Amino acid sequence: MFPALPSPRTTGARRAPRTSAGALTGALAAGTALTLTTGCSLFAPGQNGDMPDDINVTSPLMQEGRPLPEAYTCVGSEPGEDGERDTYSPPLSWSGLPEDTASLALVVDDPEAAEVFWILYDLDPQSGELRQDTVPADARQGLNSAGEASYAPPCPEEDDPHGYRFTVYALDTPLDLPEGAELSSTLEAIADRAIARGSLVTGTE
């Protein structure tokens, strides 16, 4: 059995910068239909049973099991004049998609903290990669746990290591959801259409 799509919980999550309390509360409450776990789950895409874990996800700038590079965290740069830091989404590559893949989705989360940092969907399966700090023109972003349709960089702590999971889902149809779709709606739509998955996990040291 495979890990479920993430469902943020109301306690224990380390929040991304600029979190809106109202938006986060709404996202957490709406996400209770899906279970976050590293073992058995309620995730049975398309009602076809277990989902293959065959997609190979890599990155030229991240390594499996190694700490998430600071460029992709909330401490990645010096604050600018507005007090905000310049942060970037990392580059990713994937291979091993099923032949009937019609679209892709990316979910970036912290399984232990039950926090979702980024959801990207309607990705072209022919592209094979996602460049740094880029959202393809034909792709859309859903709301993350902070209530934002963007990449929210994790904030790792030296004395509290967490793993950050970058999961690519192969879908049998595009989601056709609008930009900024609610977290629970996006996760449920991915669960309904997913036919395979693969993950790169960083930051576990």
C-alpha atoms as a PDB file:
ATOM      1  CA  MET A   1       0.000   0.000   0.000  1.00  0.00           C
ATOM      2  CA  PHE A   2       1.163   3.513  -0.733  1.00  0.00           C
ATOM      3  CA  PRO A   3       1.206   6.837   1.113  1.00  0.00           C
ATOM      4  CA  ALA A   4      -1.925   8.914   0.905  1.00  0.00           C
ATOM      5  CA  LEU A   5      -2.023  12.353  -0.529  1.00  0.00           C
ATOM      6  CA  PRO A   6      -1.288  14.813   2.274  1.00  0.00           C
ATOM      7  CA  SER A   7      -4.097  16.088   4.457  1.00  0.00           C
ATOM      8  CA  PRO A   8      -2.843  18.892   6.730  1.00  0.00           C
ATOM      9  CA  ARG A   9      -3.885  18.557  10.338  1.00  0.00           C
ATOM     10  CA  THR A  10      -4.678  21.346  12.740  1.00  0.00           C
ATOM     11  CA  THR A  11      -1.828  20.684  15.163  1.00  0.00           C
ATOM     12  CA  GLY A  12       1.863  19.972  14.836  1.00  0.00           C
ATOM     13  CA  ALA A  13       2.401  21.597  11.423  1.00  0.00           C
ATOM     14  CA  ARG A  14       5.272  24.037  10.976  1.00  0.00           C
ATOM     15  CA  ARG A  15       3.754  26.878   9.028  1.00  0.00           C
ATOM     16  CA  ALA A  16       5.215  28.561   5.991  1.00  0.00           C
ATOM     17  CA  PRO A  17       6.030  32.288   6.092  1.00  0.00           C
ATOM     18  CA  ARG A  18       3.219  34.808   5.722  1.00  0.00           C
ATOM     19  CA  THR A  19       0.570  32.275   6.787  1.00  0.00           C
ATOM     20  CA  SER A  20      -2.937  33.650   6.942  1.00  0.00           C
ATOM     21  CA  ALA A  21      -4.645  32.158   9.987  1.00  0.00           C
ATOM     22  CA  GLY A  22      -8.065  32.230   8.363  1.00  0.00           C
ATOM     23  CA  ALA A  23      -6.898  30.691   5.111  1.00  0.00           C
ATOM     24  CA  LEU A  24      -4.899  28.017   6.894  1.00  0.00           C
ATOM     25  CA  THR A  25      -7.800  27.077   9.158  1.00  0.00           C
ATOM     26  CA  GLY A  26     -10.074  26.675   6.155  1.00  0.00           C
ATOM     27  CA  ALA A  27      -7.567  24.554   4.283  1.00  0.00           C
ATOM     28  CA  LEU A  28      -6.984  22.313   7.281  1.00  0.00           C
ATOM     29  CA  ALA A  29     -10.651  21.774   7.961  1.00  0.00           C
ATOM     30  CA  ALA A  30     -11.392  20.993   4.326  1.00  0.00           C
ATOM     31  CA  GLY A  31      -8.577  18.467   4.056  1.00  0.00           C
ATOM     32  CA  THR A  32      -9.830  15.969   6.638  1.00  0.00           C
ATOM     33  CA  ALA A  33     -11.254  13.593   4.027  1.00  0.00           C
ATOM     34  CA  LEU A  34      -7.757  12.482   3.027  1.00  0.00           C
ATOM     35  CA  THR A  35      -5.240  10.740   5.283  1.00  0.00           C
ATOM     36  CA  LEU A  36      -1.542  11.587   5.561  1.00  0.00           C
ATOM     37  CA  THR A  37       0.502   8.507   6.418  1.00  0.00           C
ATOM     38  CA  THR A  38       3.700   6.758   5.452  1.00  0.00           C
ATOM     39  CA  GLY A  39       2.096   3.331   5.613  1.00  0.00           C
ATOM     40  CA  CYS A  40      -1.302   2.036   4.529  1.00  0.00           C
ATOM     41  CA  SER A  41      -3.777   4.647   3.372  1.00  0.00           C
ATOM     42  CA  LEU A  42      -7.212   5.417   2.049  1.00  0.00           C
ATOM     43  CA  PHE A  43      -5.719   6.421  -1.305  1.00  0.00           C
ATOM     44  CA  ALA A  44      -7.149   4.102  -4.005  1.00  0.00           C
ATOM     45  CA  PRO A  45      -7.033   6.136  -7.234  1.00  0.00           C
ATOM     46  CA  GLY A  46      -9.728   5.325  -9.729  1.00  0.00           C
ATOM     47  CA  GLN A  47     -10.958   2.605  -7.351  1.00  0.00           C
ATOM     48  CA  ASN A  48      -8.396   0.303  -8.986  1.00  0.00           C
ATOM     49  CA  GLY A  49      -6.558  -0.704  -5.828  1.00  0.00           C
ATOM     50  CA  ASP A  50      -2.901  -0.053  -5.127  1.00  0.00           C
ATOM     51  CA  MET A  51      -1.100   2.539  -7.210  1.00  0.00           C
ATOM     52  CA  PRO A  52       2.258   1.823  -8.899  1.00  0.00           C
ATOM     53  CA  ASP A  53       5.203   3.688  -7.438  1.00  0.00           C
ATOM     54  CA  ASP A  54       7.210   3.506 -10.661  1.00  0.00           C
ATOM     55  CA  ILE A  55       7.890   7.150 -11.536  1.00  0.00           C
ATOM     56  CA  ASN A  56      11.537   8.131 -11.071  1.00  0.00           C
ATOM     57  CA  VAL A  57      11.827  11.674  -9.675  1.00  0.00           C
ATOM     58  CA  THR A  58      15.251  13.358  -9.608  1.00  0.00           C
ATOM     59  CA  SER A  59      16.755  16.838  -9.402  1.00  0.00           C
ATOM     60  CA  PRO A  60      20.082  18.253 -10.584  1.00  0.00           C
ATOM     61  CA  LEU A  61      20.280  20.331  -7.387  1.00  0.00           C
ATOM     62  CA  MET A  62      18.752  18.035  -4.747  1.00  0.00           C
ATOM     63  CA  GLN A  63      19.696  14.567  -3.546  1.00  0.00           C
ATOM     64  CA  GLU A  64      17.546  11.851  -2.036  1.00  0.00           C
ATOM     65  CA  GLY A  65      18.001  11.752   1.734  1.00  0.00           C
ATOM     66  CA  ARG A  66      20.201  14.848   1.830  1.00  0.00           C
ATOM     67  CA  PRO A  67      19.194  18.186   3.398  1.00  0.00           C
ATOM     68  CA  LEU A  68      17.042  20.494   1.325  1.00  0.00           C
ATOM     69  CA  PRO A  69      19.367  23.179  -0.144  1.00  0.00           C
ATOM     70  CA  GLU A  70      18.944  26.552   1.554  1.00  0.00           C
ATOM     71  CA  ALA A  71      18.009  28.207  -1.755  1.00  0.00           C
ATOM     72  CA  TYR A  72      14.675  26.368  -1.532  1.00  0.00           C
ATOM     73  CA  THR A  73      13.986  27.136   2.128  1.00  0.00           C
ATOM     74  CA  CYS A  74      12.839  30.225   4.007  1.00  0.00           C
ATOM     75  CA  VAL A  75      16.448  30.963   4.981  1.00  0.00           C
ATOM     76  CA  GLY A  76      17.701  30.880   1.421  1.00  0.00           C
ATOM     77  CA  SER A  77      18.608  34.549   1.044  1.00  0.00           C
ATOM     78  CA  GLU A  78      19.001  37.835   2.845  1.00  0.00           C
ATOM     79  CA  PRO A  79      15.783  39.831   3.362  1.00  0.00           C
ATOM     80  CA  GLY A  80      15.195  42.602   0.828  1.00  0.00           C
ATOM     81  CA  GLU A  81      13.986  46.133   1.510  1.00  0.00           C
ATOM     82  CA  ASP A  82      10.443  44.858   1.973  1.00  0.00           C
ATOM     83  CA  GLY A  83      11.619  42.325   4.553  1.00  0.00           C
ATOM     84  CA  GLU A  84      10.854  39.360   2.308  1.00  0.00           C
ATOM     85  CA  ARG A  85      13.415  36.784   1.250  1.00  0.00           C
ATOM     86  CA  ASP A  86      13.944  35.673  -2.334  1.00  0.00           C
ATOM     87  CA  THR A  87      13.071  31.993  -2.432  1.00  0.00           C
ATOM     88  CA  TYR A  88      12.887  29.586  -5.344  1.00  0.00           C
ATOM     89  CA  SER A  89      11.115  26.393  -6.238  1.00  0.00           C
ATOM     90  CA  PRO A  90      13.640  23.655  -7.124  1.00  0.00           C
ATOM     91  CA  PRO A  91      14.151  22.001 -10.514  1.00  0.00           C
ATOM     92  CA  LEU A  92      12.804  18.471 -10.971  1.00  0.00           C
ATOM     93  CA  SER A  93      12.945  15.760 -13.614  1.00  0.00           C
ATOM     94  CA  TRP A  94      10.893  12.588 -13.988  1.00  0.00           C
ATOM     95  CA  SER A  95      10.740   9.435 -16.078  1.00  0.00           C
ATOM     96  CA  GLY A  96       8.921   6.115 -16.132  1.00  0.00           C
ATOM     97  CA  LEU A  97       5.425   7.487 -16.709  1.00  0.00           C
ATOM     98  CA  PRO A  98       2.644   5.057 -17.704  1.00  0.00           C
ATOM     99  CA  GLU A  99       1.762   5.120 -21.399  1.00  0.00           C
ATOM    100  CA  ASP A 100      -1.747   6.374 -20.688  1.00  0.00           C
ATOM    101  CA  THR A 101      -0.585   9.408 -18.675  1.00  0.00           C
ATOM    102  CA  ALA A 102      -2.643  12.404 -19.778  1.00  0.00           C
ATOM    103  CA  SER A 103      -1.424  14.951 -17.228  1.00  0.00           C
ATOM    104  CA  LEU A 104       0.821  15.361 -14.197  1.00  0.00           C
ATOM    105  CA  ALA A 105       0.519  16.886 -10.739  1.00  0.00           C
ATOM    106  CA  LEU A 106       3.220  17.770  -8.230  1.00  0.00           C
ATOM    107  CA  VAL A 107       2.664  17.853  -4.468  1.00  0.00           C
ATOM    108  CA  VAL A 108       5.413  19.098  -2.140  1.00  0.00           C
ATOM    109  CA  ASP A 109       4.791  18.313   1.523  1.00  0.00           C
ATOM    110  CA  ASP A 110       6.233  17.472   4.922  1.00  0.00           C
ATOM    111  CA  PRO A 111       4.644  14.118   5.845  1.00  0.00           C
ATOM    112  CA  GLU A 112       5.551  14.415   9.533  1.00  0.00           C
ATOM    113  CA  ALA A 113       4.182  17.934   9.986  1.00  0.00           C
ATOM    114  CA  ALA A 114       1.244  17.316   7.613  1.00  0.00           C
ATOM    115  CA  GLU A 115       1.969  20.535   5.763  1.00  0.00           C
ATOM    116  CA  VAL A 116       1.629  21.117   2.024  1.00  0.00           C
ATOM    117  CA  PHE A 117       4.064  23.637   0.532  1.00  0.00           C
ATOM    118  CA  TRP A 118       3.153  23.490  -3.159  1.00  0.00           C
ATOM    119  CA  ILE A 119       0.590  21.952  -5.494  1.00  0.00           C
ATOM    120  CA  LEU A 120       1.103  22.213  -9.236  1.00  0.00           C
ATOM    121  CA  TYR A 121      -1.224  20.499 -11.715  1.00  0.00           C
ATOM    122  CA  ASP A 122      -2.131  20.141 -15.401  1.00  0.00           C
ATOM    123  CA  LEU A 123       1.567  19.695 -16.194  1.00  0.00           C
ATOM    124  CA  ASP A 124       2.368  18.411 -19.667  1.00  0.00           C
ATOM    125  CA  PRO A 125       3.664  14.808 -19.331  1.00  0.00           C
ATOM    126  CA  GLN A 126       5.813  15.321 -22.437  1.00  0.00           C
ATOM    127  CA  SER A 127       7.944  17.978 -20.764  1.00  0.00           C
ATOM    128  CA  GLY A 128       9.926  15.623 -18.520  1.00  0.00           C
ATOM    129  CA  GLU A 129      11.152  18.388 -16.254  1.00  0.00           C
ATOM    130  CA  LEU A 130      10.319  21.445 -14.215  1.00  0.00           C
ATOM    131  CA  ARG A 131      12.872  24.249 -14.216  1.00  0.00           C
ATOM    132  CA  GLN A 132      13.918  26.168 -11.121  1.00  0.00           C
ATOM    133  CA  ASP A 133      11.560  28.947 -10.038  1.00  0.00           C
ATOM    134  CA  THR A 134       9.263  28.249 -12.991  1.00  0.00           C
ATOM    135  CA  VAL A 135       5.578  27.483 -13.462  1.00  0.00           C
ATOM    136  CA  PRO A 136       4.889  26.323 -17.037  1.00  0.00           C
ATOM    137  CA  ALA A 137       2.384  28.416 -18.955  1.00  0.00           C
ATOM    138  CA  ASP A 138      -0.091  25.543 -19.246  1.00  0.00           C
ATOM    139  CA  ALA A 139       0.116  24.551 -15.555  1.00  0.00           C
ATOM    140  CA  ARG A 140      -1.816  25.857 -12.559  1.00  0.00           C
ATOM    141  CA  GLN A 141      -1.147  26.164  -8.842  1.00  0.00           C
ATOM    142  CA  GLY A 142      -3.551  25.195  -6.093  1.00  0.00           C
ATOM    143  CA  LEU A 143      -3.648  26.647  -2.601  1.00  0.00           C
ATOM    144  CA  ASN A 144      -1.073  25.298  -0.150  1.00  0.00           C
ATOM    145  CA  SER A 145      -1.418  24.985   3.639  1.00  0.00           C
ATOM    146  CA  ALA A 146      -0.706  28.702   3.969  1.00  0.00           C
ATOM    147  CA  GLY A 147      -3.629  29.518   1.694  1.00  0.00           C
ATOM    148  CA  GLU A 148      -1.370  30.698  -1.137  1.00  0.00           C
ATOM    149  CA  ALA A 149      -1.207  29.563  -4.770  1.00  0.00           C
ATOM    150  CA  SER A 150       2.592  29.467  -4.847  1.00  0.00           C
ATOM    151  CA  TYR A 151       5.640  27.628  -3.562  1.00  0.00           C
ATOM    152  CA  ALA A 152       5.930  28.205   0.195  1.00  0.00           C
ATOM    153  CA  PRO A 153       9.525  27.375   1.179  1.00  0.00           C
ATOM    154  CA  PRO A 154       9.927  25.046   4.163  1.00  0.00           C
ATOM    155  CA  CYS A 155      11.628  26.349   7.302  1.00  0.00           C
ATOM    156  CA  PRO A 156      13.875  23.522   8.544  1.00  0.00           C
ATOM    157  CA  GLU A 157      15.294  23.656  12.058  1.00  0.00           C
ATOM    158  CA  GLU A 158      18.678  22.175  12.950  1.00  0.00           C
ATOM    159  CA  ASP A 159      17.398  20.473  16.081  1.00  0.00           C
ATOM    160  CA  ASP A 160      14.192  19.184  14.462  1.00  0.00           C
ATOM    161  CA  PRO A 161      14.969  17.543  11.098  1.00  0.00           C
ATOM    162  CA  HIS A 162      12.094  16.829   8.751  1.00  0.00           C
ATOM    163  CA  GLY A 163      11.795  15.131   5.384  1.00  0.00           C
ATOM    164  CA  TYR A 164      10.418  17.155   2.480  1.00  0.00           C
ATOM    165  CA  ARG A 165       8.653  15.067  -0.152  1.00  0.00           C
ATOM    166  CA  PHE A 166       8.408  16.042  -3.828  1.00  0.00           C
ATOM    167  CA  THR A 167       5.839  13.698  -5.367  1.00  0.00           C
ATOM    168  CA  VAL A 168       4.911  13.534  -9.051  1.00  0.00           C
ATOM    169  CA  TYR A 169       1.537  11.936  -9.828  1.00  0.00           C
ATOM    170  CA  ALA A 170       0.618  10.595 -13.266  1.00  0.00           C
ATOM    171  CA  LEU A 171      -3.046  11.303 -13.994  1.00  0.00           C
ATOM    172  CA  ASP A 172      -5.408   9.725 -16.519  1.00  0.00           C
ATOM    173  CA  THR A 173      -7.052  13.111 -17.239  1.00  0.00           C
ATOM    174  CA  PRO A 174      -6.199  16.766 -16.514  1.00  0.00           C
ATOM    175  CA  LEU A 175      -7.700  18.205 -13.342  1.00  0.00           C
ATOM    176  CA  ASP A 176      -9.240  21.200 -15.128  1.00  0.00           C
ATOM    177  CA  LEU A 177      -9.404  23.090 -11.848  1.00  0.00           C
ATOM    178  CA  PRO A 178      -8.946  26.873 -11.765  1.00  0.00           C
ATOM    179  CA  GLU A 179      -5.814  28.596 -10.538  1.00  0.00           C
ATOM    180  CA  GLY A 180      -5.911  28.783  -6.743  1.00  0.00           C
ATOM    181  CA  ALA A 181      -8.243  25.819  -6.235  1.00  0.00           C
ATOM    182  CA  GLU A 182      -8.887  24.863  -2.621  1.00  0.00           C
ATOM    183  CA  LEU A 183      -6.411  22.437  -1.077  1.00  0.00           C
ATOM    184  CA  SER A 184      -8.927  19.684  -0.335  1.00  0.00           C
ATOM    185  CA  SER A 185     -10.508  19.925  -3.794  1.00  0.00           C
ATOM    186  CA  THR A 186      -7.141  19.634  -5.506  1.00  0.00           C
ATOM    187  CA  LEU A 187      -5.994  16.682  -3.402  1.00  0.00           C
ATOM    188  CA  GLU A 188      -9.271  14.850  -3.947  1.00  0.00           C
ATOM    189  CA  ALA A 189      -9.101  15.440  -7.707  1.00  0.00           C
ATOM    190  CA  ILE A 190      -5.532  14.111  -7.829  1.00  0.00           C
ATOM    191  CA  ALA A 191      -6.547  11.048  -5.800  1.00  0.00           C
ATOM    192  CA  ASP A 192      -9.435  10.337  -8.184  1.00  0.00           C
ATOM    193  CA  ARG A 193      -7.243  10.495 -11.297  1.00  0.00           C
ATOM    194  CA  ALA A 194      -3.810   9.223 -10.192  1.00  0.00           C
ATOM    195  CA  ILE A 195      -2.518   6.072 -11.880  1.00  0.00           C
ATOM    196  CA  ALA A 196       1.138   6.157 -10.721  1.00  0.00           C
ATOM    197  CA  ARG A 197       3.446   8.154  -8.510  1.00  0.00           C
ATOM    198  CA  GLY A 198       7.069   8.700  -7.550  1.00  0.00           C
ATOM    199  CA  SER A 199       8.827  10.768  -4.896  1.00  0.00           C
ATOM    200  CA  LEU A 200      12.107  12.462  -4.121  1.00  0.00           C
ATOM    201  CA  VAL A 201      12.549  12.987  -0.358  1.00  0.00           C
ATOM    202  CA  THR A 202      15.094  15.479   0.977  1.00  0.00           C
ATOM    203  CA  GLY A 203      15.960  17.000   4.328  1.00  0.00           C
ATOM    204  CA  THR A 204      15.978  13.829   6.369  1.00  0.00           C
ATOM    205  CA  GLU A 205      19.328  14.404   8.112  1.00  0.00           C
END
